[in-house]
C-alpha atoms as a PDB file:
ATOM      1  CA  MET A   1       0.310  -0.187   0.303  1.00  0.00           C
ATOM      2  CA  GLU A   2       1.529   3.150  -1.364  1.00  0.00           C
ATOM      3  CA  ARG A   3       0.799   6.342   1.290  1.00  0.00           C
ATOM      4  CA  ARG A   4       1.633   9.875   1.092  1.00  0.00           C
ATOM      5  CA  LEU A   5       1.780  13.776   1.930  1.00  0.00           C
ATOM      6  CA  THR A   6      -0.095  15.498  -0.301  1.00  0.00           C
ATOM      7  CA  ALA A   7      -2.440  18.745  -0.225  1.00  0.00           C
ATOM      8  CA  ILE A   8      -5.743  17.932  -1.512  1.00  0.00           C
ATOM      9  CA  LEU A   9      -8.607  20.611  -2.742  1.00  0.00           C
ATOM     10  CA  ALA A  10     -12.344  19.274  -3.651  1.00  0.00           C
ATOM     11  CA  ALA A  11     -14.533  21.826  -4.979  1.00  0.00           C
ATOM     12  CA  ASP A  12     -18.662  21.355  -5.950  1.00  0.00           C
ATOM     13  CA  VAL A  13     -20.920  23.367  -7.693  1.00  0.00           C
ATOM     14  CA  VAL A  14     -23.651  24.580  -4.851  1.00  0.00           C
ATOM     15  CA  GLY A  15     -27.044  23.677  -6.079  1.00  0.00           C
ATOM     16  CA  TYR A  16     -26.181  21.099  -8.489  1.00  0.00           C
ATOM     17  CA  SER A  17     -29.297  19.114  -8.312  1.00  0.00           C
ATOM     18  CA  ARG A  18     -31.464  21.931  -8.859  1.00  0.00           C
ATOM     19  CA  LEU A  19     -29.432  23.737 -11.370  1.00  0.00           C
ATOM     20  CA  MET A  20     -30.013  20.373 -14.352  1.00  0.00           C
ATOM     21  CA  GLU A  21     -33.735  20.089 -12.849  1.00  0.00           C
ATOM     22  CA  CYS A  22     -34.007  23.830 -14.400  1.00  0.00           C
ATOM     23  CA  ASP A  23     -31.765  23.666 -17.532  1.00  0.00           C
ATOM     24  CA  GLU A  24     -29.709  20.026 -17.781  1.00  0.00           C
ATOM     25  CA  ALA A  25     -28.533  21.281 -20.845  1.00  0.00           C
ATOM     26  CA  GLY A  26     -27.314  24.463 -20.306  1.00  0.00           C
ATOM     27  CA  THR A  27     -26.009  23.628 -16.732  1.00  0.00           C
ATOM     28  CA  LEU A  28     -23.772  20.736 -18.723  1.00  0.00           C
ATOM     29  CA  THR A  29     -22.621  23.266 -21.054  1.00  0.00           C
ATOM     30  CA  ALA A  30     -21.549  26.010 -18.852  1.00  0.00           C
ATOM     31  CA  LEU A  31     -19.839  23.440 -16.624  1.00  0.00           C
ATOM     32  CA  LYS A  32     -18.123  21.848 -19.484  1.00  0.00           C
ATOM     33  CA  ALA A  33     -16.724  25.639 -20.243  1.00  0.00           C
ATOM     34  CA  HIS A  34     -15.992  26.882 -17.001  1.00  0.00           C
ATOM     35  CA  ARG A  35     -13.347  23.226 -16.637  1.00  0.00           C
ATOM     36  CA  GLU A  36     -12.391  24.219 -19.700  1.00  0.00           C
ATOM     37  CA  ALA A  37     -11.469  27.917 -20.002  1.00  0.00           C
ATOM     38  CA  LEU A  38     -10.193  28.213 -16.171  1.00  0.00           C
ATOM     39  CA  PHE A  39     -10.564  25.103 -13.980  1.00  0.00           C
ATOM     40  CA  ASP A  40      -7.838  23.571 -16.300  1.00  0.00           C
ATOM     41  CA  PRO A  41      -5.632  25.416 -16.844  1.00  0.00           C
ATOM     42  CA  VAL A  42      -5.173  27.126 -13.213  1.00  0.00           C
ATOM     43  CA  ILE A  43      -4.190  23.547 -12.004  1.00  0.00           C
ATOM     44  CA  ALA A  44      -2.345  23.061 -14.542  1.00  0.00           C
ATOM     45  CA  ASP A  45      -0.386  26.627 -14.048  1.00  0.00           C
ATOM     46  CA  HIS A  46      -0.942  25.776 -10.254  1.00  0.00           C
ATOM     47  CA  HIS A  47       1.392  22.334 -10.445  1.00  0.00           C
ATOM     48  CA  GLY A  48      -1.748  20.472  -9.679  1.00  0.00           C
ATOM     49  CA  ARG A  49      -2.879  16.997 -10.904  1.00  0.00           C
ATOM     50  CA  ILE A  50      -7.153  15.935 -11.027  1.00  0.00           C
ATOM     51  CA  VAL A  51      -7.680  12.990 -10.098  1.00  0.00           C
ATOM     52  CA  LYS A  52     -10.855  12.569 -10.445  1.00  0.00           C
ATOM     53  CA  LEU A  53     -14.028  14.290 -12.107  1.00  0.00           C
ATOM     54  CA  MET A  54     -16.919  13.257  -9.695  1.00  0.00           C
ATOM     55  CA  GLY A  55     -20.186  14.523 -11.523  1.00  0.00           C
ATOM     56  CA  ASP A  56     -20.319  18.256 -10.090  1.00  0.00           C
ATOM     57  CA  GLY A  57     -17.305  18.216  -8.209  1.00  0.00           C
ATOM     58  CA  THR A  58     -13.646  17.276  -8.659  1.00  0.00           C
ATOM     59  CA  LEU A  59     -10.449  16.543  -6.455  1.00  0.00           C
ATOM     60  CA  VAL A  60      -7.526  17.872  -7.081  1.00  0.00           C
ATOM     61  CA  GLU A  61      -4.023  16.867  -5.765  1.00  0.00           C
ATOM     62  CA  PHE A  62      -0.888  19.303  -5.457  1.00  0.00           C
ATOM     63  CA  ALA A  63       2.220  18.816  -3.869  1.00  0.00           C
ATOM     64  CA  SER A  64       2.619  22.316  -1.954  1.00  0.00           C
ATOM     65  CA  VAL A  65      -0.194  23.821   0.270  1.00  0.00           C
ATOM     66  CA  VAL A  66       0.743  27.186  -0.531  1.00  0.00           C
ATOM     67  CA  ASP A  67      -0.150  26.137  -4.859  1.00  0.00           C
ATOM     68  CA  ALA A  68      -3.183  24.817  -3.554  1.00  0.00           C
ATOM     69  CA  VAL A  69      -4.470  27.938  -2.001  1.00  0.00           C
ATOM     70  CA  THR A  70      -2.819  30.031  -4.407  1.00  0.00           C
ATOM     71  CA  CYS A  71      -5.156  27.552  -6.887  1.00  0.00           C
ATOM     72  CA  ALA A  72      -8.199  27.914  -5.526  1.00  0.00           C
ATOM     73  CA  VAL A  73      -8.158  30.779  -4.423  1.00  0.00           C
ATOM     74  CA  ALA A  74      -7.471  32.564  -8.410  1.00  0.00           C
ATOM     75  CA  ILE A  75     -10.532  29.851  -9.600  1.00  0.00           C
ATOM     76  CA  GLN A  76     -12.705  31.870  -6.981  1.00  0.00           C
ATOM     77  CA  ARG A  77     -11.736  34.800  -8.196  1.00  0.00           C
ATOM     78  CA  HIS A  78     -12.330  34.332 -11.828  1.00  0.00           C
ATOM     79  CA  MET A  79     -15.659  32.303 -11.214  1.00  0.00           C
ATOM     80  CA  ALA A  80     -16.887  35.670  -9.083  1.00  0.00           C
ATOM     81  CA  GLY A  81     -15.889  37.860 -12.523  1.00  0.00           C
ATOM     82  CA  ARG A  82     -17.671  34.802 -15.278  1.00  0.00           C
ATOM     83  CA  ASP A  83     -20.660  35.161 -13.251  1.00  0.00           C
ATOM     84  CA  ASP A  84     -21.508  38.927 -13.879  1.00  0.00           C
ATOM     85  CA  GLY A  85     -24.556  39.343 -15.244  1.00  0.00           C
ATOM     86  CA  VAL A  86     -25.822  36.245 -15.100  1.00  0.00           C
ATOM     87  CA  ALA A  87     -29.221  35.305 -13.289  1.00  0.00           C
ATOM     88  CA  GLU A  88     -28.738  34.270  -9.362  1.00  0.00           C
ATOM     89  CA  ASP A  89     -30.853  30.663 -10.352  1.00  0.00           C
ATOM     90  CA  GLN A  90     -28.439  29.938 -13.057  1.00  0.00           C
ATOM     91  CA  ARG A  91     -24.787  30.765 -11.510  1.00  0.00           C
ATOM     92  CA  ILE A  92     -22.744  28.052 -10.989  1.00  0.00           C
ATOM     93  CA  ASP A  93     -21.265  28.726  -7.597  1.00  0.00           C
ATOM     94  CA  LEU A  94     -17.912  26.511  -5.832  1.00  0.00           C
ATOM     95  CA  ARG A  95     -17.510  26.414  -2.398  1.00  0.00           C
ATOM     96  CA  ILE A  96     -13.942  24.585  -1.709  1.00  0.00           C
ATOM     97  CA  GLY A  97     -12.026  22.636   0.544  1.00  0.00           C
ATOM     98  CA  VAL A  98      -7.988  22.554   0.908  1.00  0.00           C
ATOM     99  CA  HIS A  99      -5.989  19.943   3.647  1.00  0.00           C
ATOM    100  CA  LEU A 100      -3.182  19.360   3.676  1.00  0.00           C
ATOM    101  CA  GLY A 101      -3.371  15.468   4.816  1.00  0.00           C
ATOM    102  CA  ASP A 102      -1.813  11.245   4.176  1.00  0.00           C
ATOM    103  CA  ILE A 103      -3.650   9.877   1.500  1.00  0.00           C
ATOM    104  CA  ILE A 104      -3.632   6.025   0.064  1.00  0.00           C
ATOM    105  CA  VAL A 105      -2.531   5.548  -3.263  1.00  0.00           C
ATOM    106  CA  GLU A 106      -4.258   2.854  -5.420  1.00  0.00           C
ATOM    107  CA  GLY A 107      -2.957   4.093  -9.046  1.00  0.00           C
ATOM    108  CA  GLU A 108      -4.313   7.179 -10.646  1.00  0.00           C
ATOM    109  CA  ASP A 109      -6.790   7.307  -7.267  1.00  0.00           C
ATOM    110  CA  ILE A 110      -6.399   8.357  -3.816  1.00  0.00           C
ATOM    111  CA  TYR A 111      -8.663   7.632  -0.898  1.00  0.00           C
ATOM    112  CA  GLY A 112      -7.824   7.821   2.915  1.00  0.00           C
ATOM    113  CA  GLU A 113      -8.777  10.112   5.656  1.00  0.00           C
ATOM    114  CA  GLY A 114      -7.881  13.555   4.012  1.00  0.00           C
ATOM    115  CA  VAL A 115      -9.730  12.792   1.642  1.00  0.00           C
ATOM    116  CA  ASN A 116     -11.961  13.003   4.719  1.00  0.00           C
ATOM    117  CA  VAL A 117     -11.148  15.773   5.595  1.00  0.00           C
ATOM    118  CA  THR A 118     -10.952  18.315   2.393  1.00  0.00           C
ATOM    119  CA  ALA A 119     -14.671  16.924   1.924  1.00  0.00           C
ATOM    120  CA  ARG A 120     -15.669  17.792   4.783  1.00  0.00           C
ATOM    121  CA  LEU A 121     -13.975  21.411   4.552  1.00  0.00           C
ATOM    122  CA  GLU A 122     -15.443  21.923   1.266  1.00  0.00           C
ATOM    123  CA  GLY A 123     -19.281  21.265   3.148  1.00  0.00           C
ATOM    124  CA  LEU A 124     -18.667  23.427   5.329  1.00  0.00           C
ATOM    125  CA  ALA A 125     -17.600  26.919   3.215  1.00  0.00           C
ATOM    126  CA  GLU A 126     -19.944  29.616   1.942  1.00  0.00           C
ATOM    127  CA  PRO A 127     -21.064  29.394  -2.526  1.00  0.00           C
ATOM    128  CA  GLY A 128     -18.213  31.399  -3.742  1.00  0.00           C
ATOM    129  CA  GLY A 129     -15.806  30.475  -0.401  1.00  0.00           C
ATOM    130  CA  ILE A 130     -12.808  28.366   0.675  1.00  0.00           C
ATOM    131  CA  CYS A 131     -12.111  26.432   3.767  1.00  0.00           C
ATOM    132  CA  LEU A 132      -9.192  25.661   5.184  1.00  0.00           C
ATOM    133  CA  SER A 133      -8.253  22.655   7.775  1.00  0.00           C
ATOM    134  CA  GLY A 134      -5.716  23.976  10.296  1.00  0.00           C
ATOM    135  CA  ASP A 135      -2.339  21.822   9.036  1.00  0.00           C
ATOM    136  CA  ALA A 136      -2.996  23.764   5.974  1.00  0.00           C
ATOM    137  CA  TYR A 137      -3.327  26.997   7.642  1.00  0.00           C
ATOM    138  CA  ARG A 138       0.308  26.699   8.896  1.00  0.00           C
ATOM    139  CA  GLN A 139       1.675  26.112   5.661  1.00  0.00           C
ATOM    140  CA  VAL A 140       0.166  29.112   3.889  1.00  0.00           C
ATOM    141  CA  ARG A 141      -0.136  31.611   6.631  1.00  0.00           C
ATOM    142  CA  GLY A 142       1.950  34.791   5.057  1.00  0.00           C
ATOM    143  CA  LYS A 143       2.168  33.450   1.744  1.00  0.00           C
ATOM    144  CA  VAL A 144      -1.029  33.935   0.317  1.00  0.00           C
ATOM    145  CA  ASP A 145      -2.798  37.091  -0.955  1.00  0.00           C
ATOM    146  CA  ALA A 146      -5.661  36.324   0.965  1.00  0.00           C
ATOM    147  CA  ASP A 147      -6.642  37.311   4.094  1.00  0.00           C
ATOM    148  CA  PHE A 148      -7.682  34.091   6.851  1.00  0.00           C
ATOM    149  CA  GLU A 149     -11.084  33.666   9.844  1.00  0.00           C
ATOM    150  CA  ASP A 150     -10.493  31.155  11.968  1.00  0.00           C
ATOM    151  CA  LEU A 151     -13.956  29.550  12.382  1.00  0.00           C
ATOM    152  CA  GLY A 152     -12.949  27.786  15.522  1.00  0.00           C
ATOM    153  CA  GLU A 153     -13.549  23.481  15.538  1.00  0.00           C
ATOM    154  CA  ARG A 154     -16.402  21.857  14.404  1.00  0.00           C
ATOM    155  CA  GLU A 155     -17.466  18.839  15.223  1.00  0.00           C
ATOM    156  CA  VAL A 156     -17.441  16.321  12.299  1.00  0.00           C
ATOM    157  CA  LYS A 157     -19.085  13.033  11.727  1.00  0.00           C
ATOM    158  CA  ASN A 158     -16.375   9.987  11.714  1.00  0.00           C
ATOM    159  CA  LEU A 159     -14.079  11.716  13.070  1.00  0.00           C
ATOM    160  CA  ALA A 160     -12.412  11.262  16.639  1.00  0.00           C
ATOM    161  CA  GLU A 161     -11.659  14.602  17.312  1.00  0.00           C
ATOM    162  CA  PRO A 162     -12.900  18.565  16.510  1.00  0.00           C
ATOM    163  CA  LEU A 163     -11.749  19.735  12.999  1.00  0.00           C
ATOM    164  CA  ARG A 164      -9.561  23.662  13.203  1.00  0.00           C
ATOM    165  CA  VAL A 165     -11.483  25.283  10.280  1.00  0.00           C
ATOM    166  CA  TYR A 166     -10.266  28.454   8.748  1.00  0.00           C
ATOM    167  CA  ARG A 167     -12.452  30.552   5.995  1.00  0.00           C
ATOM    168  CA  VAL A 168     -10.245  32.910   2.988  1.00  0.00           C
ATOM    169  CA  ALA A 169     -11.302  36.398   2.978  1.00  0.00           C
ATOM    170  CA  ILE A 170     -10.369  36.818  -0.482  1.00  0.00           C
ATOM    171  CA  LYS A 171      -8.270  40.149  -1.143  1.00  0.00           C
ATOM    172  CA  GLY A 172     -10.541  42.254  -3.449  1.00  0.00           C
ATOM    173  CA  ALA A 173     -13.747  39.759  -3.571  1.00  0.00           C
ATOM    174  CA  SER A 174     -17.167  41.255  -2.415  1.00  0.00           C
ATOM    175  CA  PRO A 175     -17.857  39.891   0.560  1.00  0.00           C
ATOM    176  CA  ALA A 176     -19.664  36.360   0.490  1.00  0.00           C
ATOM    177  CA  PRO A 177     -22.847  36.005   1.962  1.00  0.00           C
ATOM    178  CA  THR A 178     -22.651  34.629   5.947  1.00  0.00           C
ATOM    179  CA  PRO A 179     -25.796  31.979   6.079  1.00  0.00           C
ATOM    180  CA  ALA A 180     -27.657  33.311   8.035  1.00  0.00           C
ATOM    181  CA  ALA A 181     -28.338  36.126   5.177  1.00  0.00           C
ATOM    182  CA  THR A 182     -28.429  33.738   2.928  1.00  0.00           C
ATOM    183  CA  MET A 183     -32.164  33.573   1.272  1.00  0.00           C
ATOM    184  CA  PRO A 184     -33.359  29.832   1.351  1.00  0.00           C
ATOM    185  CA  LEU A 185     -34.551  27.660  -2.389  1.00  0.00           C
ATOM    186  CA  PRO A 186     -38.102  27.902  -2.860  1.00  0.00           C
ATOM    187  CA  LEU A 187     -39.806  24.229  -2.969  1.00  0.00           C
ATOM    188  CA  PRO A 188     -39.695  22.670  -6.582  1.00  0.00           C
ATOM    189  CA  ASP A 189     -44.032  22.121  -7.455  1.00  0.00           C
ATOM    190  CA  LYS A 190     -43.282  18.420  -6.182  1.00  0.00           C
ATOM    191  CA  PRO A 191     -42.756  16.584  -3.227  1.00  0.00           C
ATOM    192  CA  SER A 192     -38.582  16.941  -2.578  1.00  0.00           C
ATOM    193  CA  ILE A 193     -36.546  14.871  -0.733  1.00  0.00           C
ATOM    194  CA  ALA A 194     -33.074  14.146   0.634  1.00  0.00           C
ATOM    195  CA  VAL A 195     -31.395  10.796   1.228  1.00  0.00           C
ATOM    196  CA  LEU A 196     -28.488  12.176   3.864  1.00  0.00           C
ATOM    197  CA  PRO A 197     -25.675   9.951   4.035  1.00  0.00           C
ATOM    198  CA  PHE A 198     -26.310   7.539   6.612  1.00  0.00           C
ATOM    199  CA  THR A 199     -23.633   6.838   9.867  1.00  0.00           C
ATOM    200  CA  ASN A 200     -21.297   4.376   9.856  1.00  0.00           C
ATOM    201  CA  MET A 201     -22.009   2.789  13.848  1.00  0.00           C
ATOM    202  CA  SER A 202     -20.325  -0.144  13.202  1.00  0.00           C
ATOM    203  CA  GLY A 203     -17.394   1.333  14.770  1.00  0.00           C
ATOM    204  CA  ASP A 204     -14.473  -0.054  12.126  1.00  0.00           C
ATOM    205  CA  PRO A 205     -14.076   2.564   8.879  1.00  0.00           C
ATOM    206  CA  GLU A 206     -13.403   0.663   6.788  1.00  0.00           C
ATOM    207  CA  GLN A 207     -17.081  -0.584   6.466  1.00  0.00           C
ATOM    208  CA  GLU A 208     -17.337   3.280   5.869  1.00  0.00           C
ATOM    209  CA  TYR A 209     -18.272   2.240   1.770  1.00  0.00           C
ATOM    210  CA  PHE A 210     -20.977   0.018   3.003  1.00  0.00           C
ATOM    211  CA  SER A 211     -23.293   2.892   5.251  1.00  0.00           C
ATOM    212  CA  ASP A 212     -22.743   5.031   1.536  1.00  0.00           C
ATOM    213  CA  GLY A 213     -23.590   1.764  -0.827  1.00  0.00           C
ATOM    214  CA  ILE A 214     -26.966   1.595   0.929  1.00  0.00           C
ATOM    215  CA  THR A 215     -27.563   5.701   1.003  1.00  0.00           C
ATOM    216  CA  GLU A 216     -26.493   5.356  -2.936  1.00  0.00           C
ATOM    217  CA  ASP A 217     -28.759   2.234  -3.386  1.00  0.00           C
ATOM    218  CA  ILE A 218     -31.660   4.611  -1.285  1.00  0.00           C
ATOM    219  CA  ILE A 219     -31.037   7.345  -3.741  1.00  0.00           C
ATOM    220  CA  THR A 220     -31.345   5.284  -6.865  1.00  0.00           C
ATOM    221  CA  GLU A 221     -34.487   3.914  -5.950  1.00  0.00           C
ATOM    222  CA  LEU A 222     -36.093   6.958  -5.088  1.00  0.00           C
ATOM    223  CA  SER A 223     -35.415   8.345  -7.821  1.00  0.00           C
ATOM    224  CA  LYS A 224     -37.640   5.681  -9.724  1.00  0.00           C
ATOM    225  CA  PHE A 225     -40.659   7.505  -8.887  1.00  0.00           C
ATOM    226  CA  ARG A 226     -41.299  10.294 -11.392  1.00  0.00           C
ATOM    227  CA  THR A 227     -43.360  11.992  -8.721  1.00  0.00           C
ATOM    228  CA  LEU A 228     -40.936  13.227  -6.516  1.00  0.00           C
ATOM    229  CA  PHE A 229     -38.093  15.702  -6.632  1.00  0.00           C
ATOM    230  CA  VAL A 230     -34.835  13.944  -5.213  1.00  0.00           C
ATOM    231  CA  ILE A 231     -31.391  15.749  -4.661  1.00  0.00           C
ATOM    232  CA  ALA A 232     -28.290  13.721  -5.989  1.00  0.00           C
ATOM    233  CA  ARG A 233     -26.343  11.974  -4.292  1.00  0.00           C
ATOM    234  CA  ASN A 234     -23.339  14.680  -4.636  1.00  0.00           C
ATOM    235  CA  SER A 235     -25.012  17.213  -3.324  1.00  0.00           C
ATOM    236  CA  SER A 236     -25.677  15.318  -0.553  1.00  0.00           C
ATOM    237  CA  PHE A 237     -22.795  14.323   0.203  1.00  0.00           C
ATOM    238  CA  ALA A 238     -21.913  17.142   1.077  1.00  0.00           C
ATOM    239  CA  PHE A 239     -23.165  17.419   4.192  1.00  0.00           C
ATOM    240  CA  LYS A 240     -21.683  14.389   5.047  1.00  0.00           C
ATOM    241  CA  GLY A 241     -20.101  15.148   9.040  1.00  0.00           C
ATOM    242  CA  GLN A 242     -21.354  18.466   9.116  1.00  0.00           C
ATOM    243  CA  ALA A 243     -23.865  18.755  12.591  1.00  0.00           C
ATOM    244  CA  LEU A 244     -26.737  20.364  10.612  1.00  0.00           C
ATOM    245  CA  ASP A 245     -29.965  20.224  11.607  1.00  0.00           C
ATOM    246  CA  VAL A 246     -32.595  19.087   8.703  1.00  0.00           C
ATOM    247  CA  LYS A 247     -33.984  22.842   9.061  1.00  0.00           C
ATOM    248  CA  GLN A 248     -30.306  23.826   7.589  1.00  0.00           C
ATOM    249  CA  ILE A 249     -29.795  21.405   4.947  1.00  0.00           C
ATOM    250  CA  SER A 250     -33.979  22.073   3.948  1.00  0.00           C
ATOM    251  CA  SER A 251     -32.948  25.569   3.238  1.00  0.00           C
ATOM    252  CA  LYS A 252     -29.645  25.233   1.568  1.00  0.00           C
ATOM    253  CA  LEU A 253     -31.121  22.540  -0.304  1.00  0.00           C
ATOM    254  CA  GLY A 254     -34.920  23.452  -1.267  1.00  0.00           C
ATOM    255  CA  ILE A 255     -36.048  20.414  -0.753  1.00  0.00           C
ATOM    256  CA  ARG A 256     -39.175  19.422   2.523  1.00  0.00           C
ATOM    257  CA  TYR A 257     -38.381  16.028   2.969  1.00  0.00           C
ATOM    258  CA  VAL A 258     -35.136  14.361   4.546  1.00  0.00           C
ATOM    259  CA  VAL A 259     -34.084  10.788   4.647  1.00  0.00           C
ATOM    260  CA  GLU A 260     -31.391   9.525   7.750  1.00  0.00           C
ATOM    261  CA  GLY A 261     -30.202   6.549   8.783  1.00  0.00           C
ATOM    262  CA  SER A 262     -27.695   4.442  10.771  1.00  0.00           C
ATOM    263  CA  VAL A 263     -25.965   1.390   9.695  1.00  0.00           C
ATOM    264  CA  ARG A 264     -24.297  -1.054  12.292  1.00  0.00           C
ATOM    265  CA  ARG A 265     -22.350  -3.939  10.824  1.00  0.00           C
ATOM    266  CA  ALA A 266     -21.144  -7.852  12.594  1.00  0.00           C
ATOM    267  CA  GLY A 267     -19.893  -9.943  11.279  1.00  0.00           C
ATOM    268  CA  ASN A 268     -22.751 -11.365   8.840  1.00  0.00           C
ATOM    269  CA  ARG A 269     -25.709  -9.029  10.154  1.00  0.00           C
ATOM    270  CA  VAL A 270     -26.133  -5.777   9.245  1.00  0.00           C
ATOM    271  CA  ARG A 271     -28.794  -3.558  10.869  1.00  0.00           C
ATOM    272  CA  ILE A 272     -29.972  -0.413   9.615  1.00  0.00           C
ATOM    273  CA  THR A 273     -32.336   2.574  11.016  1.00  0.00           C
ATOM    274  CA  ALA A 274     -34.055   4.917   8.632  1.00  0.00           C
ATOM    275  CA  GLN A 275     -35.874   8.297   9.213  1.00  0.00           C
ATOM    276  CA  LEU A 276     -38.365   9.922   6.782  1.00  0.00           C
ATOM    277  CA  ILE A 277     -38.386  13.382   8.508  1.00  0.00           C
ATOM    278  CA  ASP A 278     -41.247  16.938   7.522  1.00  0.00           C
ATOM    279  CA  ALA A 279     -37.972  19.587   7.572  1.00  0.00           C
ATOM    280  CA  ALA A 280     -40.374  22.530   7.287  1.00  0.00           C
ATOM    281  CA  LYS A 281     -42.119  21.064  10.708  1.00  0.00           C
ATOM    282  CA  ASP A 282     -38.865  19.137  12.070  1.00  0.00           C
ATOM    283  CA  ASN A 283     -41.332  16.187  12.735  1.00  0.00           C
ATOM    284  CA  HIS A 284     -40.816  12.447  12.075  1.00  0.00           C
ATOM    285  CA  ILE A 285     -43.136  11.295   9.609  1.00  0.00           C
ATOM    286  CA  TRP A 286     -41.796   7.983   9.511  1.00  0.00           C
ATOM    287  CA  HIS A 287     -39.020   5.518  11.230  1.00  0.00           C
ATOM    288  CA  SER A 288     -37.853   1.785  10.122  1.00  0.00           C
ATOM    289  CA  ALA A 289     -35.254  -0.278  11.606  1.00  0.00           C
ATOM    290  CA  MET A 290     -34.155  -4.152  10.598  1.00  0.00           C
ATOM    291  CA  THR A 291     -31.673  -6.754  10.948  1.00  0.00           C
ATOM    292  CA  ALA A 292     -30.422  -8.337   7.617  1.00  0.00           C
ATOM    293  CA  ASN A 293     -27.784 -10.916   6.362  1.00  0.00           C
ATOM    294  CA  SER A 294     -24.960  -8.257   4.602  1.00  0.00           C
ATOM    295  CA  ARG A 295     -24.273 -11.454   2.447  1.00  0.00           C
ATOM    296  CA  ILE A 296     -27.401 -11.092   0.533  1.00  0.00           C
ATOM    297  CA  TYR A 297     -27.263  -7.558   0.485  1.00  0.00           C
ATOM    298  CA  SER A 298     -23.533  -7.483  -0.645  1.00  0.00           C
ATOM    299  CA  LEU A 299     -24.771  -9.658  -3.652  1.00  0.00           C
ATOM    300  CA  SER A 300     -27.832  -7.878  -4.275  1.00  0.00           C
ATOM    301  CA  ARG A 301     -26.104  -5.141  -4.729  1.00  0.00           C
ATOM    302  CA  THR A 302     -24.147  -6.513  -8.039  1.00  0.00           C
ATOM    303  CA  LYS A 303     -26.908  -7.047  -9.539  1.00  0.00           C
ATOM    304  CA  SER A 304     -28.101  -4.360 -11.293  1.00  0.00           C
ATOM    305  CA  PRO A 305     -31.856  -4.889 -12.146  1.00  0.00           C
ATOM    306  CA  SER A 306     -33.355  -1.834 -14.852  1.00  0.00           C
ATOM    307  CA  PRO A 307     -35.933   0.111 -14.263  1.00  0.00           C
ATOM    308  CA  SER A 308     -39.361  -0.497 -15.560  1.00  0.00           C
END
C-alpha cells in the first residue's frame, strides 16, 4: 500500500441538482465551459493534478499547500467575474476545501482520511468560498494574497477529534453572504427529498463504503419515481460529517423532506435504521429498523435490474 503526504483540493457546485432540474443541457454546457476555460488551465498553472471528476465535483492534488490555496483563490476570483450578468438562479457557484493530509494511493486515485477531511471542509465553505484545515493554514499563512478567519473547531461526523477550520477572505472580492443572510431556496412543485449519508455505527472505518453504498441505493430507488424531486448523490454527500439540523439542510437544498439513518454491521449481520423527516415542521413522519444478512445485501448490489 502506497501512502504520501499531499495537499488536497475538493470543489463542488452549489445547488447542482436544482440547476440540472431547471436546465440540464444549459447547466452541463456552462459547467463544461468553466472547466475547459478556467479550472483545467488554472490547476495546471499551479502544478495540480486532477484526480477525478465526480459529476459536479472535482478532486485535485498538489505537491505544495501554497499552490493549492493560491489555485483555489484564483478559481474563486475568476468564477465571480465569469458570473457577472448571469441570473441568480442560473449562477454556477463553487465551494472549495483544502487540506494537507496523508492519503492512500491506488493507481491514479487517492483515498483515506486526508480525502475525507477535505470533503468535510468543502461542505463547510459558503458559496464562492474556501475553507482550510488547521494543517493547511499553518503552511500558507503569510505566503498567500488572502486574509484568513479562524472559524474555530468544528465537530464533524466520522472524525474522532474536532476539526480546526479557517475561512479564506479573498482580497478584492465582495464578501460572501453569511449562511444566516442567505435566502432559502424555493421548494419545487412536487415532493422534494434528500437522502443524507447514513452514519457508520460499526466502529470500523473500513465499513464506511458499506453505509455509503446503502445511501446510494436508496437515492437510486427513490429517483425512479417521477413524482419525486430527489437530490443527487453529490449534493447529499456534501453534508456528510456536518453537524447541521434538518431545517438548515432544507434551506440550503430547497427540499421539504429528509431521510437519514445509520448502519451497524457485525460479522454477517447488518442492522439498518432509517427515518423520514418533514424538515419544514421538524417532525418525524416515519421510522423503521431492520436486521439482515449482509452477504445477501452485498450480492444484491452486484445485480442492477433495469428500471421499468
